Amino acid sequence: MSNKQTQARHTFKFLLVGNGSVGKTSIVRRLCRGDFITNPETTIGVEFMTKMIDIDGNQIKLQIWDTAGQEKYRSVGKAYYRNAIGVLLVFSLTDHVSFEKLDEWITDVSQYCHPKANMILVGNKSDLSDSRKVTLDEIKKFTEGHNLQYIESSAKTGSNINECFYQVAKSIYDGVVTGDIVLSTSHVIGDADGQQQPEPKKEKCSC
């Protein structure tokens, strides 16, 4: 067998946004490392990991940016929104405030991300069914109002974690193939003007 690393046909920049403590870091960790930490450290600014996935026989590299949800760190995270084409809008099913704040995050995505960014709404912590605070009727009304796909996940059990990313990546891939989506050739670290930004923590996963 060849020792050469598999080359990605495309690279998609992904962004996870949402209030603090909704499980964004745990979602990325579950996807890339396959494990779960009960009390992860608070994200300050952004953290960055990569993940290779297969779409229709093509290797796609996801560059996944986990942004801070706490208000005092949000301005730092916005610097990394540029050219993000895939977005996971995450709230906790056990925290109604995180659901109420979704419109604010959508505004940020609309303002700073790729104009044709594909976004999915993710209700995390589905394993805590007894502590659920957000109803399906509320979620249905919200998704219909914003024309969003919705999926429930659990970073703790791993439920639907891969599906969250695959659904968005497949939609992006289809758009690239048809020419509806044109990706920037800008580097991941740095903005579209070529200005270098502070380098976030990076981790790779080949899974």
C-alpha atoms as a PDB file:
ATOM      1  CA  MET A   1       0.000   0.000   0.000  1.00  0.00           C
ATOM      2  CA  SER A   2       1.124   3.561  -0.658  1.00  0.00           C
ATOM      3  CA  ASN A   3       2.313   5.626   2.284  1.00  0.00           C
ATOM      4  CA  LYS A   4       1.197   8.819   0.633  1.00  0.00           C
ATOM      5  CA  GLN A   5      -1.503  10.750   2.422  1.00  0.00           C
ATOM      6  CA  THR A   6      -4.839  10.842   0.656  1.00  0.00           C
ATOM      7  CA  GLN A   7      -5.236  14.143  -1.161  1.00  0.00           C
ATOM      8  CA  ALA A   8      -8.454  16.055  -0.606  1.00  0.00           C
ATOM      9  CA  ARG A   9     -10.411  16.938  -3.718  1.00  0.00           C
ATOM     10  CA  HIS A  10     -11.949  19.934  -1.949  1.00  0.00           C
ATOM     11  CA  THR A  11     -11.465  21.750   1.339  1.00  0.00           C
ATOM     12  CA  PHE A  12     -14.520  23.134   3.132  1.00  0.00           C
ATOM     13  CA  LYS A  13     -14.248  25.602   5.980  1.00  0.00           C
ATOM     14  CA  PHE A  14     -16.762  24.767   8.716  1.00  0.00           C
ATOM     15  CA  LEU A  15     -17.833  26.892  11.661  1.00  0.00           C
ATOM     16  CA  LEU A  16     -19.660  25.953  14.858  1.00  0.00           C
ATOM     17  CA  VAL A  17     -21.563  28.830  16.459  1.00  0.00           C
ATOM     18  CA  GLY A  18     -23.908  29.116  19.408  1.00  0.00           C
ATOM     19  CA  ASN A  19     -24.008  30.086  23.058  1.00  0.00           C
ATOM     20  CA  GLY A  20     -21.425  28.878  25.532  1.00  0.00           C
ATOM     21  CA  SER A  21     -21.880  25.451  27.140  1.00  0.00           C
ATOM     22  CA  VAL A  22     -24.131  24.079  24.384  1.00  0.00           C
ATOM     23  CA  GLY A  23     -21.528  21.443  23.492  1.00  0.00           C
ATOM     24  CA  LYS A  24     -19.759  22.800  20.402  1.00  0.00           C
ATOM     25  CA  THR A  25     -16.305  21.730  21.567  1.00  0.00           C
ATOM     26  CA  SER A  26     -17.642  18.317  22.575  1.00  0.00           C
ATOM     27  CA  ILE A  27     -19.228  17.861  19.138  1.00  0.00           C
ATOM     28  CA  VAL A  28     -15.929  18.563  17.386  1.00  0.00           C
ATOM     29  CA  ARG A  29     -14.029  16.365  19.813  1.00  0.00           C
ATOM     30  CA  ARG A  30     -16.456  13.490  19.296  1.00  0.00           C
ATOM     31  CA  LEU A  31     -16.154  13.830  15.511  1.00  0.00           C
ATOM     32  CA  CYS A  32     -12.372  13.999  15.428  1.00  0.00           C
ATOM     33  CA  ARG A  33     -11.240  12.036  18.470  1.00  0.00           C
ATOM     34  CA  GLY A  34     -14.192   9.790  19.119  1.00  0.00           C
ATOM     35  CA  ASP A  35     -14.315  10.601  22.816  1.00  0.00           C
ATOM     36  CA  PHE A  36     -16.165  12.813  25.281  1.00  0.00           C
ATOM     37  CA  ILE A  37     -15.098  14.921  28.259  1.00  0.00           C
ATOM     38  CA  THR A  38     -17.785  15.807  30.788  1.00  0.00           C
ATOM     39  CA  ASN A  39     -16.425  19.256  31.645  1.00  0.00           C
ATOM     40  CA  PRO A  40     -14.244  20.580  28.792  1.00  0.00           C
ATOM     41  CA  GLU A  41     -12.397  23.861  29.150  1.00  0.00           C
ATOM     42  CA  THR A  42     -14.167  26.983  27.916  1.00  0.00           C
ATOM     43  CA  THR A  43     -13.167  27.922  24.368  1.00  0.00           C
ATOM     44  CA  ILE A  44     -11.412  31.294  24.216  1.00  0.00           C
ATOM     45  CA  GLY A  45     -11.467  32.748  20.718  1.00  0.00           C
ATOM     46  CA  VAL A  46     -11.419  29.710  18.420  1.00  0.00           C
ATOM     47  CA  GLU A  47     -10.018  26.200  18.201  1.00  0.00           C
ATOM     48  CA  PHE A  48      -9.295  24.442  14.929  1.00  0.00           C
ATOM     49  CA  MET A  49      -9.347  20.791  13.854  1.00  0.00           C
ATOM     50  CA  THR A  50      -9.455  18.957  10.537  1.00  0.00           C
ATOM     51  CA  LYS A  51     -11.437  15.933   9.414  1.00  0.00           C
ATOM     52  CA  MET A  52     -11.394  13.912   6.181  1.00  0.00           C
ATOM     53  CA  ILE A  53     -14.717  12.545   4.952  1.00  0.00           C
ATOM     54  CA  ASP A  54     -15.852  10.710   1.828  1.00  0.00           C
ATOM     55  CA  ILE A  55     -18.563  12.136  -0.399  1.00  0.00           C
ATOM     56  CA  ASP A  56     -19.513  10.191  -3.515  1.00  0.00           C
ATOM     57  CA  GLY A  57     -16.072   8.573  -3.575  1.00  0.00           C
ATOM     58  CA  ASN A  58     -14.249  11.887  -3.183  1.00  0.00           C
ATOM     59  CA  GLN A  59     -12.102  12.806  -0.198  1.00  0.00           C
ATOM     60  CA  ILE A  60     -13.217  16.105   1.320  1.00  0.00           C
ATOM     61  CA  LYS A  61     -11.214  17.916   3.972  1.00  0.00           C
ATOM     62  CA  LEU A  62     -13.218  19.758   6.605  1.00  0.00           C
ATOM     63  CA  GLN A  63     -11.446  22.596   8.387  1.00  0.00           C
ATOM     64  CA  ILE A  64     -13.551  22.921  11.519  1.00  0.00           C
ATOM     65  CA  TRP A  65     -13.507  26.111  13.571  1.00  0.00           C
ATOM     66  CA  ASP A  66     -14.980  25.891  17.060  1.00  0.00           C
ATOM     67  CA  THR A  67     -15.858  29.441  18.148  1.00  0.00           C
ATOM     68  CA  ALA A  68     -16.340  30.825  21.642  1.00  0.00           C
ATOM     69  CA  GLY A  69     -19.946  31.221  22.724  1.00  0.00           C
ATOM     70  CA  GLN A  70     -19.432  33.512  25.687  1.00  0.00           C
ATOM     71  CA  GLU A  71     -20.222  37.147  24.933  1.00  0.00           C
ATOM     72  CA  LYS A  72     -16.828  38.491  26.019  1.00  0.00           C
ATOM     73  CA  TYR A  73     -15.042  36.293  23.452  1.00  0.00           C
ATOM     74  CA  ARG A  74     -17.463  36.658  20.522  1.00  0.00           C
ATOM     75  CA  SER A  75     -15.665  39.572  18.880  1.00  0.00           C
ATOM     76  CA  VAL A  76     -12.508  37.449  18.683  1.00  0.00           C
ATOM     77  CA  GLY A  77     -14.331  34.558  17.059  1.00  0.00           C
ATOM     78  CA  LYS A  78     -15.919  36.734  14.375  1.00  0.00           C
ATOM     79  CA  ALA A  79     -12.487  37.324  12.849  1.00  0.00           C
ATOM     80  CA  TYR A  80     -12.535  33.678  11.721  1.00  0.00           C
ATOM     81  CA  TYR A  81     -15.996  33.632  10.102  1.00  0.00           C
ATOM     82  CA  ARG A  82     -14.699  34.824   6.742  1.00  0.00           C
ATOM     83  CA  ASN A  83     -15.166  32.318   3.887  1.00  0.00           C
ATOM     84  CA  ALA A  84     -16.809  29.692   6.119  1.00  0.00           C
ATOM     85  CA  ILE A  85     -19.054  27.691   3.793  1.00  0.00           C
ATOM     86  CA  GLY A  86     -20.476  25.182   6.300  1.00  0.00           C
ATOM     87  CA  VAL A  87     -22.111  26.239   9.574  1.00  0.00           C
ATOM     88  CA  LEU A  88     -23.450  24.229  12.491  1.00  0.00           C
ATOM     89  CA  LEU A  89     -25.788  26.462  14.500  1.00  0.00           C
ATOM     90  CA  VAL A  90     -25.809  24.737  17.873  1.00  0.00           C
ATOM     91  CA  PHE A  91     -28.100  25.107  20.871  1.00  0.00           C
ATOM     92  CA  SER A  92     -28.690  22.911  23.886  1.00  0.00           C
ATOM     93  CA  LEU A  93     -32.010  21.136  24.199  1.00  0.00           C
ATOM     94  CA  THR A  94     -31.660  21.637  27.969  1.00  0.00           C
ATOM     95  CA  ASP A  95     -31.078  25.412  27.794  1.00  0.00           C
ATOM     96  CA  HIS A  96     -33.916  27.535  26.434  1.00  0.00           C
ATOM     97  CA  VAL A  97     -31.829  30.717  26.491  1.00  0.00           C
ATOM     98  CA  SER A  98     -29.413  29.165  23.992  1.00  0.00           C
ATOM     99  CA  PHE A  99     -32.404  28.609  21.695  1.00  0.00           C
ATOM    100  CA  GLU A 100     -33.648  32.175  22.192  1.00  0.00           C
ATOM    101  CA  LYS A 101     -30.249  33.558  21.121  1.00  0.00           C
ATOM    102  CA  LEU A 102     -30.135  31.727  17.783  1.00  0.00           C
ATOM    103  CA  ASP A 103     -31.262  34.752  15.782  1.00  0.00           C
ATOM    104  CA  GLU A 104     -28.204  36.679  16.970  1.00  0.00           C
ATOM    105  CA  TRP A 105     -25.898  33.946  15.715  1.00  0.00           C
ATOM    106  CA  ILE A 106     -27.708  33.793  12.378  1.00  0.00           C
ATOM    107  CA  THR A 107     -27.149  37.537  11.998  1.00  0.00           C
ATOM    108  CA  ASP A 108     -23.408  37.052  12.550  1.00  0.00           C
ATOM    109  CA  VAL A 109     -23.267  34.204  10.036  1.00  0.00           C
ATOM    110  CA  SER A 110     -25.145  36.229   7.430  1.00  0.00           C
ATOM    111  CA  GLN A 111     -22.825  39.183   7.938  1.00  0.00           C
ATOM    112  CA  TYR A 112     -19.425  37.481   8.069  1.00  0.00           C
ATOM    113  CA  CYS A 113     -19.551  34.041   6.407  1.00  0.00           C
ATOM    114  CA  HIS A 114     -19.528  33.019   2.738  1.00  0.00           C
ATOM    115  CA  PRO A 115     -22.680  34.417   1.070  1.00  0.00           C
ATOM    116  CA  LYS A 116     -23.771  30.899   0.132  1.00  0.00           C
ATOM    117  CA  ALA A 117     -22.880  29.250   3.431  1.00  0.00           C
ATOM    118  CA  ASN A 118     -24.878  26.095   4.149  1.00  0.00           C
ATOM    119  CA  MET A 119     -26.208  26.005   7.698  1.00  0.00           C
ATOM    120  CA  ILE A 120     -27.898  23.324   9.771  1.00  0.00           C
ATOM    121  CA  LEU A 121     -29.564  23.761  13.152  1.00  0.00           C
ATOM    122  CA  VAL A 122     -28.266  21.295  15.738  1.00  0.00           C
ATOM    123  CA  GLY A 123     -30.116  20.589  18.973  1.00  0.00           C
ATOM    124  CA  ASN A 124     -27.403  19.057  21.141  1.00  0.00           C
ATOM    125  CA  LYS A 125     -27.601  17.012  24.360  1.00  0.00           C
ATOM    126  CA  SER A 126     -30.437  14.813  23.110  1.00  0.00           C
ATOM    127  CA  ASP A 127     -29.359  12.190  25.646  1.00  0.00           C
ATOM    128  CA  LEU A 128     -30.697  14.411  28.467  1.00  0.00           C
ATOM    129  CA  SER A 129     -34.334  13.869  27.532  1.00  0.00           C
ATOM    130  CA  ASP A 130     -35.590  14.348  31.101  1.00  0.00           C
ATOM    131  CA  SER A 131     -34.038  17.832  31.193  1.00  0.00           C
ATOM    132  CA  ARG A 132     -35.366  19.018  27.838  1.00  0.00           C
ATOM    133  CA  LYS A 133     -36.467  22.664  27.798  1.00  0.00           C
ATOM    134  CA  VAL A 134     -37.069  23.297  24.069  1.00  0.00           C
ATOM    135  CA  THR A 135     -40.144  21.786  22.426  1.00  0.00           C
ATOM    136  CA  LEU A 136     -40.374  20.316  18.943  1.00  0.00           C
ATOM    137  CA  ASP A 137     -43.111  22.812  18.088  1.00  0.00           C
ATOM    138  CA  GLU A 138     -40.771  25.710  18.892  1.00  0.00           C
ATOM    139  CA  ILE A 139     -38.021  24.174  16.818  1.00  0.00           C
ATOM    140  CA  LYS A 140     -40.345  23.506  13.873  1.00  0.00           C
ATOM    141  CA  LYS A 141     -41.545  27.115  13.878  1.00  0.00           C
ATOM    142  CA  PHE A 142     -37.970  28.399  13.983  1.00  0.00           C
ATOM    143  CA  THR A 143     -36.655  26.153  11.211  1.00  0.00           C
ATOM    144  CA  GLU A 144     -39.596  26.936   8.941  1.00  0.00           C
ATOM    145  CA  GLY A 145     -39.093  30.657   9.527  1.00  0.00           C
ATOM    146  CA  HIS A 146     -35.404  30.453   8.636  1.00  0.00           C
ATOM    147  CA  ASN A 147     -35.577  27.635   6.052  1.00  0.00           C
ATOM    148  CA  LEU A 148     -33.155  25.469   8.034  1.00  0.00           C
ATOM    149  CA  GLN A 149     -32.577  21.741   8.215  1.00  0.00           C
ATOM    150  CA  TYR A 150     -32.639  20.390  11.778  1.00  0.00           C
ATOM    151  CA  ILE A 151     -30.995  17.487  13.527  1.00  0.00           C
ATOM    152  CA  GLU A 152     -30.677  16.441  17.171  1.00  0.00           C
ATOM    153  CA  SER A 153     -27.344  15.178  18.434  1.00  0.00           C
ATOM    154  CA  SER A 154     -25.535  13.967  21.506  1.00  0.00           C
ATOM    155  CA  ALA A 155     -21.815  14.519  21.792  1.00  0.00           C
ATOM    156  CA  LYS A 156     -21.873  12.230  24.818  1.00  0.00           C
ATOM    157  CA  THR A 157     -23.255   9.188  22.992  1.00  0.00           C
ATOM    158  CA  GLY A 158     -22.100  10.172  19.506  1.00  0.00           C
ATOM    159  CA  SER A 159     -25.655  10.182  18.157  1.00  0.00           C
ATOM    160  CA  ASN A 160     -25.893  12.014  14.803  1.00  0.00           C
ATOM    161  CA  ILE A 161     -22.502  13.714  15.167  1.00  0.00           C
ATOM    162  CA  ASN A 162     -21.180  12.437  11.834  1.00  0.00           C
ATOM    163  CA  GLU A 163     -24.533  13.126  10.194  1.00  0.00           C
ATOM    164  CA  CYS A 164     -24.459  16.812  11.212  1.00  0.00           C
ATOM    165  CA  PHE A 165     -21.292  17.414   9.250  1.00  0.00           C
ATOM    166  CA  TYR A 166     -22.032  15.045   6.375  1.00  0.00           C
ATOM    167  CA  GLN A 167     -25.403  16.606   5.555  1.00  0.00           C
ATOM    168  CA  VAL A 168     -23.889  20.076   5.275  1.00  0.00           C
ATOM    169  CA  ALA A 169     -20.771  18.888   3.435  1.00  0.00           C
ATOM    170  CA  LYS A 170     -22.866  16.942   0.895  1.00  0.00           C
ATOM    171  CA  SER A 171     -24.977  20.010   0.186  1.00  0.00           C
ATOM    172  CA  ILE A 172     -21.843  22.111  -0.305  1.00  0.00           C
ATOM    173  CA  TYR A 173     -20.258  19.465  -2.526  1.00  0.00           C
ATOM    174  CA  ASP A 174     -23.345  19.311  -4.734  1.00  0.00           C
ATOM    175  CA  GLY A 175     -23.256  23.098  -5.030  1.00  0.00           C
ATOM    176  CA  VAL A 176     -19.592  23.070  -6.001  1.00  0.00           C
ATOM    177  CA  VAL A 177     -20.176  20.380  -8.630  1.00  0.00           C
ATOM    178  CA  THR A 178     -23.027  22.328 -10.236  1.00  0.00           C
ATOM    179  CA  GLY A 179     -21.105  25.601 -10.063  1.00  0.00           C
ATOM    180  CA  ASP A 180     -23.617  27.214  -7.728  1.00  0.00           C
ATOM    181  CA  ILE A 181     -20.927  27.559  -5.045  1.00  0.00           C
ATOM    182  CA  VAL A 182     -17.492  28.990  -5.761  1.00  0.00           C
ATOM    183  CA  LEU A 183     -14.974  28.488  -2.973  1.00  0.00           C
ATOM    184  CA  SER A 184     -12.311  31.004  -2.051  1.00  0.00           C
ATOM    185  CA  THR A 185      -8.682  30.021  -2.515  1.00  0.00           C
ATOM    186  CA  SER A 186      -7.677  32.087   0.522  1.00  0.00           C
ATOM    187  CA  HIS A 187      -5.648  30.362   3.189  1.00  0.00           C
ATOM    188  CA  VAL A 188      -7.459  29.076   6.247  1.00  0.00           C
ATOM    189  CA  ILE A 189      -5.479  31.255   8.633  1.00  0.00           C
ATOM    190  CA  GLY A 190      -5.768  34.761   7.291  1.00  0.00           C
ATOM    191  CA  ASP A 191      -8.573  36.743   5.723  1.00  0.00           C
ATOM    192  CA  ALA A 192      -9.529  37.335   2.117  1.00  0.00           C
ATOM    193  CA  ASP A 193      -7.199  40.332   1.932  1.00  0.00           C
ATOM    194  CA  GLY A 194      -4.254  38.119   2.771  1.00  0.00           C
ATOM    195  CA  GLN A 195      -3.785  39.595   6.231  1.00  0.00           C
ATOM    196  CA  GLN A 196      -2.532  37.089   8.742  1.00  0.00           C
ATOM    197  CA  GLN A 197      -4.657  36.566  11.831  1.00  0.00           C
ATOM    198  CA  PRO A 198      -3.632  35.149  15.227  1.00  0.00           C
ATOM    199  CA  GLU A 199      -3.157  31.426  14.805  1.00  0.00           C
ATOM    200  CA  PRO A 200      -5.641  29.292  16.718  1.00  0.00           C
ATOM    201  CA  LYS A 201      -4.974  25.956  18.340  1.00  0.00           C
ATOM    202  CA  LYS A 202      -4.823  23.282  15.616  1.00  0.00           C
ATOM    203  CA  GLU A 203      -5.392  19.564  15.774  1.00  0.00           C
ATOM    204  CA  LYS A 204      -5.653  16.978  13.017  1.00  0.00           C
ATOM    205  CA  CYS A 205      -7.662  13.818  12.879  1.00  0.00           C
ATOM    206  CA  SER A 206      -7.441  11.291  10.100  1.00  0.00           C
ATOM    207  CA  CYS A 207     -10.561   9.376  11.073  1.00  0.00           C
END
